[in-house]
Amino acid sequence: MLLTKEQIFAAQDLQSIDIDIPEWGGSVKVRAMSAIDRINFEKEQKDLQPSEMVLKLVLLTCIDDAGDRLFENDDLEQLQLKSPNAILKIFNESIKLNVLNDKKIEEQAENFQKDHS
């Protein structure tokens, strides 16, 4: 069956998962990035410091029950003050959900963990 443009645009194709974050007393919903978020993330990636890249992925992928982003770009500073273990749980699940296999991303996560241990 060939899909129409309307059917494609109506499809809910961005997978999401709930991640238990005991450090925060509950769970967080993480979604696959949209095409435009993915493109922008990949463009920005080369200019970001390790901790910024980790946090940027968390900013882009955490959503509320309505499917809207939970965090805005302006929340980066406050998010930096949260548990690195919690951030890394979200980051690692976001990598899996978004099929991000880049060696640089893995290195950034390792650096983030070292910097916050």
PDB file of N, CA and C in Angstrom:
ATOM      1  N   MET A   1       0.838  -1.181   0.000  1.00  0.00           N
ATOM      2  CA  MET A   1       0.000   0.000   0.000  1.00  0.00           C
ATOM      3  C   MET A   1       0.882   1.244   0.000  1.00  0.00           C
ATOM      4  N   LEU A   2       0.655   2.108  -0.944  1.00  0.00           N
ATOM      5  CA  LEU A   2       1.365   3.372  -0.996  1.00  0.00           C
ATOM      6  C   LEU A   2       0.704   4.371  -0.060  1.00  0.00           C
ATOM      7  N   LEU A   3       1.516   5.069   0.701  1.00  0.00           N
ATOM      8  CA  LEU A   3       1.007   6.067   1.633  1.00  0.00           C
ATOM      9  C   LEU A   3       0.818   7.407   0.938  1.00  0.00           C
ATOM     10  N   THR A   4      -0.155   8.147   1.413  1.00  0.00           N
ATOM     11  CA  THR A   4      -0.337   9.516   0.932  1.00  0.00           C
ATOM     12  C   THR A   4       0.513  10.440   1.796  1.00  0.00           C
ATOM     13  N   LYS A   5       0.692  11.641   1.334  1.00  0.00           N
ATOM     14  CA  LYS A   5       1.426  12.642   2.104  1.00  0.00           C
ATOM     15  C   LYS A   5       0.738  12.872   3.449  1.00  0.00           C
ATOM     16  N   GLU A   6      -0.565  12.930   3.446  1.00  0.00           N
ATOM     17  CA  GLU A   6      -1.321  13.155   4.677  1.00  0.00           C
ATOM     18  C   GLU A   6      -1.107  12.013   5.682  1.00  0.00           C
ATOM     19  N   GLN A   7      -1.071  10.772   5.186  1.00  0.00           N
ATOM     20  CA  GLN A   7      -0.838   9.633   6.066  1.00  0.00           C
ATOM     21  C   GLN A   7       0.563   9.670   6.667  1.00  0.00           C
ATOM     22  N   ILE A   8       1.527  10.052   5.859  1.00  0.00           N
ATOM     23  CA  ILE A   8       2.905  10.155   6.354  1.00  0.00           C
ATOM     24  C   ILE A   8       3.001  11.232   7.421  1.00  0.00           C
ATOM     25  N   PHE A   9       2.427  12.398   7.157  1.00  0.00           N
ATOM     26  CA  PHE A   9       2.494  13.486   8.138  1.00  0.00           C
ATOM     27  C   PHE A   9       1.710  13.174   9.405  1.00  0.00           C
ATOM     28  N   ALA A  10       0.690  12.354   9.316  1.00  0.00           N
ATOM     29  CA  ALA A  10      -0.123  11.998  10.480  1.00  0.00           C
ATOM     30  C   ALA A  10       0.494  10.871  11.312  1.00  0.00           C
ATOM     31  N   ALA A  11       1.438  10.156  10.737  1.00  0.00           N
ATOM     32  CA  ALA A  11       2.039   9.019  11.443  1.00  0.00           C
ATOM     33  C   ALA A  11       2.823   9.490  12.664  1.00  0.00           C
ATOM     34  N   GLN A  12       2.608   8.821  13.785  1.00  0.00           N
ATOM     35  CA  GLN A  12       3.366   9.088  15.007  1.00  0.00           C
ATOM     36  C   GLN A  12       4.599   8.188  14.980  1.00  0.00           C
ATOM     37  N   ASP A  13       5.677   8.679  14.379  1.00  0.00           N
ATOM     38  CA  ASP A  13       6.827   7.829  14.100  1.00  0.00           C
ATOM     39  C   ASP A  13       8.047   8.083  14.989  1.00  0.00           C
ATOM     40  N   LEU A  14       7.918   8.956  15.965  1.00  0.00           N
ATOM     41  CA  LEU A  14       9.033   9.216  16.870  1.00  0.00           C
ATOM     42  C   LEU A  14       8.838   8.387  18.139  1.00  0.00           C
ATOM     43  N   GLN A  15       9.602   7.303  18.239  1.00  0.00           N
ATOM     44  CA  GLN A  15       9.491   6.413  19.390  1.00  0.00           C
ATOM     45  C   GLN A  15       9.863   7.144  20.670  1.00  0.00           C
ATOM     46  N   SER A  16       9.280   6.693  21.779  1.00  0.00           N
ATOM     47  CA  SER A  16       9.652   7.240  23.082  1.00  0.00           C
ATOM     48  C   SER A  16       9.676   6.111  24.105  1.00  0.00           C
ATOM     49  N   ILE A  17      10.451   6.339  25.157  1.00  0.00           N
ATOM     50  CA  ILE A  17      10.530   5.386  26.257  1.00  0.00           C
ATOM     51  C   ILE A  17      10.545   6.160  27.569  1.00  0.00           C
ATOM     52  N   ASP A  18      10.109   5.499  28.634  1.00  0.00           N
ATOM     53  CA  ASP A  18      10.205   6.068  29.965  1.00  0.00           C
ATOM     54  C   ASP A  18      11.430   5.485  30.649  1.00  0.00           C
ATOM     55  N   ILE A  19      12.193   6.343  31.302  1.00  0.00           N
ATOM     56  CA  ILE A  19      13.415   5.931  31.990  1.00  0.00           C
ATOM     57  C   ILE A  19      13.252   6.240  33.467  1.00  0.00           C
ATOM     58  N   ASP A  20      13.452   5.253  34.301  1.00  0.00           N
ATOM     59  CA  ASP A  20      13.387   5.448  35.747  1.00  0.00           C
ATOM     60  C   ASP A  20      14.640   6.195  36.202  1.00  0.00           C
ATOM     61  N   ILE A  21      14.437   7.313  36.879  1.00  0.00           N
ATOM     62  CA  ILE A  21      15.540   8.119  37.397  1.00  0.00           C
ATOM     63  C   ILE A  21      15.362   8.238  38.912  1.00  0.00           C
ATOM     64  N   PRO A  22      15.852   7.245  39.666  1.00  0.00           N
ATOM     65  CA  PRO A  22      15.678   7.261  41.118  1.00  0.00           C
ATOM     66  C   PRO A  22      16.253   8.521  41.780  1.00  0.00           C
ATOM     67  N   GLU A  23      17.310   9.077  41.200  1.00  0.00           N
ATOM     68  CA  GLU A  23      17.923  10.281  41.755  1.00  0.00           C
ATOM     69  C   GLU A  23      16.931  11.447  41.786  1.00  0.00           C
ATOM     70  N   TRP A  24      15.963  11.411  40.881  1.00  0.00           N
ATOM     71  CA  TRP A  24      14.979  12.489  40.805  1.00  0.00           C
ATOM     72  C   TRP A  24      13.611  12.069  41.345  1.00  0.00           C
ATOM     73  N   GLY A  25      13.509  10.821  41.792  1.00  0.00           N
ATOM     74  CA  GLY A  25      12.263  10.362  42.401  1.00  0.00           C
ATOM     75  C   GLY A  25      11.160  10.024  41.418  1.00  0.00           C
ATOM     76  N   GLY A  26      11.487   9.642  40.207  1.00  0.00           N
ATOM     77  CA  GLY A  26      10.457   9.294  39.235  1.00  0.00           C
ATOM     78  C   GLY A  26      11.067   8.895  37.908  1.00  0.00           C
ATOM     79  N   SER A  27      10.285   9.085  36.848  1.00  0.00           N
ATOM     80  CA  SER A  27      10.764   8.709  35.525  1.00  0.00           C
ATOM     81  C   SER A  27      10.699   9.901  34.579  1.00  0.00           C
ATOM     82  N   VAL A  28      11.428   9.771  33.484  1.00  0.00           N
ATOM     83  CA  VAL A  28      11.490  10.799  32.451  1.00  0.00           C
ATOM     84  C   VAL A  28      11.189  10.122  31.120  1.00  0.00           C
ATOM     85  N   LYS A  29      10.426  10.793  30.290  1.00  0.00           N
ATOM     86  CA  LYS A  29      10.123  10.273  28.950  1.00  0.00           C
ATOM     87  C   LYS A  29      11.144  10.850  27.971  1.00  0.00           C
ATOM     88  N   VAL A  30      11.738   9.958  27.183  1.00  0.00           N
ATOM     89  CA  VAL A  30      12.733  10.349  26.190  1.00  0.00           C
ATOM     90  C   VAL A  30      12.222   9.920  24.818  1.00  0.00           C
ATOM     91  N   ARG A  31      12.371  10.815  23.845  1.00  0.00           N
ATOM     92  CA  ARG A  31      11.867  10.558  22.497  1.00  0.00           C
ATOM     93  C   ARG A  31      13.003  10.637  21.487  1.00  0.00           C
ATOM     94  N   ALA A  32      12.835   9.897  20.415  1.00  0.00           N
ATOM     95  CA  ALA A  32      13.745  10.028  19.285  1.00  0.00           C
ATOM     96  C   ALA A  32      13.638  11.451  18.743  1.00  0.00           C
ATOM     97  N   MET A  33      14.750  11.975  18.279  1.00  0.00           N
ATOM     98  CA  MET A  33      14.754  13.331  17.733  1.00  0.00           C
ATOM     99  C   MET A  33      14.030  13.374  16.394  1.00  0.00           C
ATOM    100  N   SER A  34      13.446  14.516  16.121  1.00  0.00           N
ATOM    101  CA  SER A  34      12.890  14.748  14.789  1.00  0.00           C
ATOM    102  C   SER A  34      14.056  14.921  13.821  1.00  0.00           C
ATOM    103  N   ALA A  35      13.767  14.886  12.556  1.00  0.00           N
ATOM    104  CA  ALA A  35      14.820  15.039  11.544  1.00  0.00           C
ATOM    105  C   ALA A  35      15.553  16.361  11.716  1.00  0.00           C
ATOM    106  N   ILE A  36      14.833  17.443  11.955  1.00  0.00           N
ATOM    107  CA  ILE A  36      15.478  18.754  12.079  1.00  0.00           C
ATOM    108  C   ILE A  36      16.314  18.836  13.349  1.00  0.00           C
ATOM    109  N   ASP A  37      15.829  18.251  14.460  1.00  0.00           N
ATOM    110  CA  ASP A  37      16.626  18.230  15.690  1.00  0.00           C
ATOM    111  C   ASP A  37      17.911  17.439  15.482  1.00  0.00           C
ATOM    112  N   ARG A  38      17.803  16.332  14.778  1.00  0.00           N
ATOM    113  CA  ARG A  38      18.978  15.484  14.513  1.00  0.00           C
ATOM    114  C   ARG A  38      19.996  16.229  13.661  1.00  0.00           C
ATOM    115  N   ILE A  39      19.536  16.902  12.624  1.00  0.00           N
ATOM    116  CA  ILE A  39      20.428  17.666  11.746  1.00  0.00           C
ATOM    117  C   ILE A  39      21.133  18.764  12.547  1.00  0.00           C
ATOM    118  N   ASN A  40      20.367  19.509  13.342  1.00  0.00           N
ATOM    119  CA  ASN A  40      20.953  20.594  14.140  1.00  0.00           C
ATOM    120  C   ASN A  40      21.923  20.061  15.186  1.00  0.00           C
ATOM    121  N   PHE A  41      21.572  18.943  15.821  1.00  0.00           N
ATOM    122  CA  PHE A  41      22.457  18.341  16.811  1.00  0.00           C
ATOM    123  C   PHE A  41      23.784  17.935  16.180  1.00  0.00           C
ATOM    124  N   GLU A  42      23.724  17.314  15.026  1.00  0.00           N
ATOM    125  CA  GLU A  42      24.944  16.881  14.355  1.00  0.00           C
ATOM    126  C   GLU A  42      25.796  18.064  13.906  1.00  0.00           C
ATOM    127  N   LYS A  43      25.165  19.171  13.489  1.00  0.00           N
ATOM    128  CA  LYS A  43      25.911  20.372  13.112  1.00  0.00           C
ATOM    129  C   LYS A  43      26.611  20.980  14.328  1.00  0.00           C
ATOM    130  N   GLU A  44      25.887  21.054  15.452  1.00  0.00           N
ATOM    131  CA  GLU A  44      26.419  21.676  16.666  1.00  0.00           C
ATOM    132  C   GLU A  44      27.465  20.812  17.356  1.00  0.00           C
ATOM    133  N   GLN A  45      27.377  19.530  17.167  1.00  0.00           N
ATOM    134  CA  GLN A  45      28.204  18.570  17.896  1.00  0.00           C
ATOM    135  C   GLN A  45      29.690  18.892  17.837  1.00  0.00           C
ATOM    136  N   LYS A  46      30.172  19.289  16.684  1.00  0.00           N
ATOM    137  CA  LYS A  46      31.612  19.521  16.529  1.00  0.00           C
ATOM    138  C   LYS A  46      32.092  20.742  17.310  1.00  0.00           C
ATOM    139  N   ASP A  47      31.175  21.662  17.647  1.00  0.00           N
ATOM    140  CA  ASP A  47      31.557  22.880  18.356  1.00  0.00           C
ATOM    141  C   ASP A  47      31.286  22.817  19.859  1.00  0.00           C
ATOM    142  N   LEU A  48      30.712  21.716  20.323  1.00  0.00           N
ATOM    143  CA  LEU A  48      30.338  21.623  21.730  1.00  0.00           C
ATOM    144  C   LEU A  48      31.416  20.951  22.571  1.00  0.00           C
ATOM    145  N   GLN A  49      31.542  21.412  23.795  1.00  0.00           N
ATOM    146  CA  GLN A  49      32.390  20.745  24.779  1.00  0.00           C
ATOM    147  C   GLN A  49      31.687  19.448  25.200  1.00  0.00           C
ATOM    148  N   PRO A  50      32.442  18.477  25.766  1.00  0.00           N
ATOM    149  CA  PRO A  50      31.825  17.189  26.141  1.00  0.00           C
ATOM    150  C   PRO A  50      30.570  17.329  26.998  1.00  0.00           C
ATOM    151  N   SER A  51      30.635  18.124  28.047  1.00  0.00           N
ATOM    152  CA  SER A  51      29.464  18.235  28.922  1.00  0.00           C
ATOM    153  C   SER A  51      28.308  18.930  28.208  1.00  0.00           C
ATOM    154  N   GLU A  52      28.612  19.889  27.339  1.00  0.00           N
ATOM    155  CA  GLU A  52      27.562  20.570  26.590  1.00  0.00           C
ATOM    156  C   GLU A  52      26.852  19.615  25.635  1.00  0.00           C
ATOM    157  N   MET A  53      27.614  18.742  24.989  1.00  0.00           N
ATOM    158  CA  MET A  53      27.033  17.804  24.035  1.00  0.00           C
ATOM    159  C   MET A  53      26.117  16.818  24.749  1.00  0.00           C
ATOM    160  N   VAL A  54      26.556  16.320  25.883  1.00  0.00           N
ATOM    161  CA  VAL A  54      25.735  15.390  26.665  1.00  0.00           C
ATOM    162  C   VAL A  54      24.444  16.079  27.084  1.00  0.00           C
ATOM    163  N   LEU A  55      24.561  17.266  27.625  1.00  0.00           N
ATOM    164  CA  LEU A  55      23.386  17.994  28.091  1.00  0.00           C
ATOM    165  C   LEU A  55      22.474  18.415  26.942  1.00  0.00           C
ATOM    166  N   LYS A  56      23.052  18.753  25.808  1.00  0.00           N
ATOM    167  CA  LYS A  56      22.250  19.152  24.639  1.00  0.00           C
ATOM    168  C   LYS A  56      21.359  18.000  24.180  1.00  0.00           C
ATOM    169  N   LEU A  57      21.900  16.787  24.189  1.00  0.00           N
ATOM    170  CA  LEU A  57      21.094  15.637  23.792  1.00  0.00           C
ATOM    171  C   LEU A  57      19.956  15.419  24.789  1.00  0.00           C
ATOM    172  N   VAL A  58      20.228  15.606  26.061  1.00  0.00           N
ATOM    173  CA  VAL A  58      19.178  15.498  27.082  1.00  0.00           C
ATOM    174  C   VAL A  58      18.114  16.565  26.841  1.00  0.00           C
ATOM    175  N   LEU A  59      18.530  17.790  26.566  1.00  0.00           N
ATOM    176  CA  LEU A  59      17.581  18.881  26.282  1.00  0.00           C
ATOM    177  C   LEU A  59      16.672  18.558  25.104  1.00  0.00           C
ATOM    178  N   LEU A  60      17.251  17.963  24.068  1.00  0.00           N
ATOM    179  CA  LEU A  60      16.494  17.701  22.842  1.00  0.00           C
ATOM    180  C   LEU A  60      15.562  16.499  22.936  1.00  0.00           C
ATOM    181  N   THR A  61      15.840  15.577  23.842  1.00  0.00           N
ATOM    182  CA  THR A  61      15.094  14.316  23.815  1.00  0.00           C
ATOM    183  C   THR A  61      14.109  14.115  24.958  1.00  0.00           C
ATOM    184  N   CYS A  62      14.227  14.854  26.054  1.00  0.00           N
ATOM    185  CA  CYS A  62      13.253  14.712  27.147  1.00  0.00           C
ATOM    186  C   CYS A  62      11.961  15.436  26.771  1.00  0.00           C
ATOM    187  N   ILE A  63      10.848  14.732  26.950  1.00  0.00           N
ATOM    188  CA  ILE A  63       9.546  15.315  26.591  1.00  0.00           C
ATOM    189  C   ILE A  63       8.554  15.148  27.743  1.00  0.00           C
ATOM    190  N   ASP A  64       7.476  15.921  27.681  1.00  0.00           N
ATOM    191  CA  ASP A  64       6.401  15.779  28.667  1.00  0.00           C
ATOM    192  C   ASP A  64       5.338  14.824  28.117  1.00  0.00           C
ATOM    193  N   ASP A  65       4.257  14.660  28.865  1.00  0.00           N
ATOM    194  CA  ASP A  65       3.207  13.731  28.441  1.00  0.00           C
ATOM    195  C   ASP A  65       2.546  14.117  27.122  1.00  0.00           C
ATOM    196  N   ALA A  66       2.573  15.406  26.796  1.00  0.00           N
ATOM    197  CA  ALA A  66       1.964  15.873  25.549  1.00  0.00           C
ATOM    198  C   ALA A  66       2.907  15.706  24.355  1.00  0.00           C
ATOM    199  N   GLY A  67       4.159  15.313  24.623  1.00  0.00           N
ATOM    200  CA  GLY A  67       5.126  15.141  23.549  1.00  0.00           C
ATOM    201  C   GLY A  67       5.945  16.380  23.251  1.00  0.00           C
ATOM    202  N   ASP A  68       5.784  17.417  24.076  1.00  0.00           N
ATOM    203  CA  ASP A  68       6.553  18.650  23.909  1.00  0.00           C
ATOM    204  C   ASP A  68       7.864  18.547  24.682  1.00  0.00           C
ATOM    205  N   ARG A  69       8.875  19.252  24.210  1.00  0.00           N
ATOM    206  CA  ARG A  69      10.160  19.240  24.916  1.00  0.00           C
ATOM    207  C   ARG A  69       9.975  19.656  26.368  1.00  0.00           C
ATOM    208  N   LEU A  70      10.588  18.905  27.248  1.00  0.00           N
ATOM    209  CA  LEU A  70      10.525  19.190  28.680  1.00  0.00           C
ATOM    210  C   LEU A  70      11.426  20.366  29.032  1.00  0.00           C
ATOM    211  N   PHE A  71      12.586  20.438  28.401  1.00  0.00           N
ATOM    212  CA  PHE A  71      13.563  21.486  28.674  1.00  0.00           C
ATOM    213  C   PHE A  71      13.733  22.386  27.460  1.00  0.00           C
ATOM    214  N   GLU A  72      14.013  23.638  27.744  1.00  0.00           N
ATOM    215  CA  GLU A  72      14.345  24.606  26.701  1.00  0.00           C
ATOM    216  C   GLU A  72      15.853  24.803  26.706  1.00  0.00           C
ATOM    217  N   ASN A  73      16.390  25.398  25.665  1.00  0.00           N
ATOM    218  CA  ASN A  73      17.832  25.643  25.594  1.00  0.00           C
ATOM    219  C   ASN A  73      18.322  26.475  26.781  1.00  0.00           C
ATOM    220  N   ASP A  74      17.473  27.366  27.280  1.00  0.00           N
ATOM    221  CA  ASP A  74      17.841  28.211  28.420  1.00  0.00           C
ATOM    222  C   ASP A  74      17.991  27.420  29.717  1.00  0.00           C
ATOM    223  N   ASP A  75      17.538  26.175  29.742  1.00  0.00           N
ATOM    224  CA  ASP A  75      17.631  25.339  30.942  1.00  0.00           C
ATOM    225  C   ASP A  75      18.985  24.656  31.091  1.00  0.00           C
ATOM    226  N   LEU A  76      19.884  24.870  30.144  1.00  0.00           N
ATOM    227  CA  LEU A  76      21.171  24.191  30.150  1.00  0.00           C
ATOM    228  C   LEU A  76      21.942  24.410  31.451  1.00  0.00           C
ATOM    229  N   GLU A  77      22.014  25.651  31.912  1.00  0.00           N
ATOM    230  CA  GLU A  77      22.770  25.952  33.134  1.00  0.00           C
ATOM    231  C   GLU A  77      22.199  25.223  34.336  1.00  0.00           C
ATOM    232  N   GLN A  78      20.886  25.203  34.493  1.00  0.00           N
ATOM    233  CA  GLN A  78      20.272  24.510  35.623  1.00  0.00           C
ATOM    234  C   GLN A  78      20.459  23.004  35.522  1.00  0.00           C
ATOM    235  N   LEU A  79      20.397  22.477  34.318  1.00  0.00           N
ATOM    236  CA  LEU A  79      20.572  21.041  34.114  1.00  0.00           C
ATOM    237  C   LEU A  79      21.997  20.614  34.473  1.00  0.00           C
ATOM    238  N   GLN A  80      22.949  21.513  34.292  1.00  0.00           N
ATOM    239  CA  GLN A  80      24.339  21.221  34.645  1.00  0.00           C
ATOM    240  C   GLN A  80      24.507  20.960  36.138  1.00  0.00           C
ATOM    241  N   LEU A  81      23.585  21.438  36.936  1.00  0.00           N
ATOM    242  CA  LEU A  81      23.674  21.288  38.391  1.00  0.00           C
ATOM    243  C   LEU A  81      23.042  19.993  38.896  1.00  0.00           C
ATOM    244  N   LYS A  82      22.449  19.219  38.006  1.00  0.00           N
ATOM    245  CA  LYS A  82      21.772  17.983  38.394  1.00  0.00           C
ATOM    246  C   LYS A  82      22.748  16.814  38.423  1.00  0.00           C
ATOM    247  N   SER A  83      22.291  15.705  38.962  1.00  0.00           N
ATOM    248  CA  SER A  83      23.110  14.510  39.130  1.00  0.00           C
ATOM    249  C   SER A  83      23.685  14.029  37.800  1.00  0.00           C
ATOM    250  N   PRO A  84      25.009  13.881  37.715  1.00  0.00           N
ATOM    251  CA  PRO A  84      25.584  13.362  36.477  1.00  0.00           C
ATOM    252  C   PRO A  84      25.134  11.928  36.190  1.00  0.00           C
ATOM    253  N   ASN A  85      24.857  11.155  37.238  1.00  0.00           N
ATOM    254  CA  ASN A  85      24.361   9.788  37.018  1.00  0.00           C
ATOM    255  C   ASN A  85      23.004   9.811  36.326  1.00  0.00           C
ATOM    256  N   ALA A  86      22.141  10.710  36.758  1.00  0.00           N
ATOM    257  CA  ALA A  86      20.822  10.835  36.133  1.00  0.00           C
ATOM    258  C   ALA A  86      20.963  11.305  34.682  1.00  0.00           C
ATOM    259  N   ILE A  87      21.801  12.306  34.470  1.00  0.00           N
ATOM    260  CA  ILE A  87      22.019  12.840  33.120  1.00  0.00           C
ATOM    261  C   ILE A  87      22.546  11.748  32.202  1.00  0.00           C
ATOM    262  N   LEU A  88      23.506  10.964  32.688  1.00  0.00           N
ATOM    263  CA  LEU A  88      24.089   9.907  31.858  1.00  0.00           C
ATOM    264  C   LEU A  88      23.097   8.793  31.546  1.00  0.00           C
ATOM    265  N   LYS A  89      22.186   8.490  32.476  1.00  0.00           N
ATOM    266  CA  LYS A  89      21.151   7.491  32.183  1.00  0.00           C
ATOM    267  C   LYS A  89      20.299   7.954  31.004  1.00  0.00           C
ATOM    268  N   ILE A  90      19.886   9.202  31.049  1.00  0.00           N
ATOM    269  CA  ILE A  90      19.064   9.757  29.966  1.00  0.00           C
ATOM    270  C   ILE A  90      19.872   9.799  28.671  1.00  0.00           C
ATOM    271  N   PHE A  91      21.093  10.276  28.764  1.00  0.00           N
ATOM    272  CA  PHE A  91      21.960  10.382  27.595  1.00  0.00           C
ATOM    273  C   PHE A  91      22.162   9.020  26.932  1.00  0.00           C
ATOM    274  N   ASN A  92      22.475   7.998  27.728  1.00  0.00           N
ATOM    275  CA  ASN A  92      22.730   6.664  27.171  1.00  0.00           C
ATOM    276  C   ASN A  92      21.489   6.084  26.496  1.00  0.00           C
ATOM    277  N   GLU A  93      20.328   6.288  27.081  1.00  0.00           N
ATOM    278  CA  GLU A  93      19.095   5.810  26.454  1.00  0.00           C
ATOM    279  C   GLU A  93      18.779   6.614  25.198  1.00  0.00           C
ATOM    280  N   SER A  94      19.094   7.902  25.217  1.00  0.00           N
ATOM    281  CA  SER A  94      18.878   8.741  24.032  1.00  0.00           C
ATOM    282  C   SER A  94      19.754   8.293  22.877  1.00  0.00           C
ATOM    283  N   ILE A  95      20.986   7.908  23.188  1.00  0.00           N
ATOM    284  CA  ILE A  95      21.886   7.408  22.147  1.00  0.00           C
ATOM    285  C   ILE A  95      21.286   6.171  21.494  1.00  0.00           C
ATOM    286  N   LYS A  96      20.792   5.234  22.320  1.00  0.00           N
ATOM    287  CA  LYS A  96      20.202   4.004  21.784  1.00  0.00           C
ATOM    288  C   LYS A  96      18.966   4.305  20.946  1.00  0.00           C
ATOM    289  N   LEU A  97      18.087   5.132  21.482  1.00  0.00           N
ATOM    290  CA  LEU A  97      16.827   5.442  20.816  1.00  0.00           C
ATOM    291  C   LEU A  97      17.048   6.172  19.494  1.00  0.00           C
ATOM    292  N   ASN A  98      18.080   6.996  19.442  1.00  0.00           N
ATOM    293  CA  ASN A  98      18.367   7.789  18.252  1.00  0.00           C
ATOM    294  C   ASN A  98      19.421   7.157  17.349  1.00  0.00           C
ATOM    295  N   VAL A  99      19.840   5.955  17.693  1.00  0.00           N
ATOM    296  CA  VAL A  99      20.826   5.199  16.915  1.00  0.00           C
ATOM    297  C   VAL A  99      22.045   6.073  16.600  1.00  0.00           C
ATOM    298  N   LEU A 100      22.594   6.641  17.664  1.00  0.00           N
ATOM    299  CA  LEU A 100      23.786   7.459  17.534  1.00  0.00           C
ATOM    300  C   LEU A 100      24.987   6.594  17.897  1.00  0.00           C
ATOM    301  N   ASN A 101      25.732   6.166  16.894  1.00  0.00           N
ATOM    302  CA  ASN A 101      26.849   5.247  17.094  1.00  0.00           C
ATOM    303  C   ASN A 101      28.201   5.915  16.932  1.00  0.00           C
ATOM    304  N   ASP A 102      28.221   7.196  16.885  1.00  0.00           N
ATOM    305  CA  ASP A 102      29.448   7.937  16.620  1.00  0.00           C
ATOM    306  C   ASP A 102      30.463   7.751  17.749  1.00  0.00           C
ATOM    307  N   LYS A 103      31.694   7.473  17.394  1.00  0.00           N
ATOM    308  CA  LYS A 103      32.783   7.294  18.364  1.00  0.00           C
ATOM    309  C   LYS A 103      32.974   8.562  19.193  1.00  0.00           C
ATOM    310  N   LYS A 104      32.813   9.722  18.567  1.00  0.00           N
ATOM    311  CA  LYS A 104      32.982  10.984  19.276  1.00  0.00           C
ATOM    312  C   LYS A 104      31.941  11.114  20.382  1.00  0.00           C
ATOM    313  N   ILE A 105      30.719  10.683  20.125  1.00  0.00           N
ATOM    314  CA  ILE A 105      29.667  10.769  21.131  1.00  0.00           C
ATOM    315  C   ILE A 105      30.013   9.885  22.326  1.00  0.00           C
ATOM    316  N   GLU A 106      30.498   8.694  22.055  1.00  0.00           N
ATOM    317  CA  GLU A 106      30.896   7.797  23.139  1.00  0.00           C
ATOM    318  C   GLU A 106      32.025   8.411  23.955  1.00  0.00           C
ATOM    319  N   GLU A 107      32.989   9.028  23.294  1.00  0.00           N
ATOM    320  CA  GLU A 107      34.101   9.672  23.988  1.00  0.00           C
ATOM    321  C   GLU A 107      33.610  10.846  24.836  1.00  0.00           C
ATOM    322  N   GLN A 108      32.661  11.602  24.302  1.00  0.00           N
ATOM    323  CA  GLN A 108      32.107  12.739  25.044  1.00  0.00           C
ATOM    324  C   GLN A 108      31.423  12.261  26.320  1.00  0.00           C
ATOM    325  N   ALA A 109      30.688  11.153  26.230  1.00  0.00           N
ATOM    326  CA  ALA A 109      30.016  10.607  27.405  1.00  0.00           C
ATOM    327  C   ALA A 109      31.039  10.147  28.444  1.00  0.00           C
ATOM    328  N   GLU A 110      32.107   9.514  27.984  1.00  0.00           N
ATOM    329  CA  GLU A 110      33.160   9.073  28.901  1.00  0.00           C
ATOM    330  C   GLU A 110      33.821  10.273  29.579  1.00  0.00           C
ATOM    331  N   ASN A 111      34.086  11.325  28.816  1.00  0.00           N
ATOM    332  CA  ASN A 111      34.676  12.545  29.377  1.00  0.00           C
ATOM    333  C   ASN A 111      33.735  13.186  30.383  1.00  0.00           C
ATOM    334  N   PHE A 112      32.454  13.234  30.063  1.00  0.00           N
ATOM    335  CA  PHE A 112      31.468  13.807  30.968  1.00  0.00           C
ATOM    336  C   PHE A 112      31.481  13.033  32.286  1.00  0.00           C
ATOM    337  N   GLN A 113      31.501  11.710  32.191  1.00  0.00           N
ATOM    338  CA  GLN A 113      31.490  10.892  33.381  1.00  0.00           C
ATOM    339  C   GLN A 113      32.756  11.121  34.216  1.00  0.00           C
ATOM    340  N   LYS A 114      33.899  11.195  33.573  1.00  0.00           N
ATOM    341  CA  LYS A 114      35.154  11.452  34.286  1.00  0.00           C
ATOM    342  C   LYS A 114      35.123  12.815  34.971  1.00  0.00           C
ATOM    343  N   ASP A 115      34.617  13.823  34.255  1.00  0.00           N
ATOM    344  CA  ASP A 115      34.577  15.183  34.796  1.00  0.00           C
ATOM    345  C   ASP A 115      33.629  15.299  35.983  1.00  0.00           C
ATOM    346  N   HIS A 116      32.654  14.406  36.064  1.00  0.00           N
ATOM    347  CA  HIS A 116      31.629  14.524  37.109  1.00  0.00           C
ATOM    348  C   HIS A 116      31.658  13.373  38.102  1.00  0.00           C
ATOM    349  N   SER A 117      32.759  12.662  38.182  1.00  0.00           N
ATOM    350  CA  SER A 117      32.880  11.545  39.134  1.00  0.00           C
ATOM    351  C   SER A 117      33.389  12.044  40.463  1.00  0.00           C
TER     352      SER A 117
END
